[in-house]
Amino acid sequence: MGGSPSSRPSAPAAPGSRRAAEAHSMSERDMARAQLIGSPTTLHWILRVAVAACFIGHGAFGLMTKAAWVPYFTIFGIPEGGRGS
């Protein structure tokens, strides 16, 4: 029941200690990241738009069927004419 050292709350770092300096630099890093990326919501929307652009772009190239790709479609049951019977 003792738990691991990482699960126990740690005591606050003494001013001037290495741990206090690391905590301070971490908060500066977080501030820089927030200025660069913005809020987590901004990052969320950037990733959503990027994924949507990938799907749209790859879908557009999928619609421009090249003759060399037709045999690969037939493997999955898509007839060469492109329409089901």
Foldseek 3Di string as FASTA:
>chain_A
DPDDPVPDDDDDDDPPDPVVVVVVVVVVVVVVVCVVQNDVVSVVVVVVVVVVCVVVVVVVVVVVDDPVCLVVVVVVPQDSVRDDD
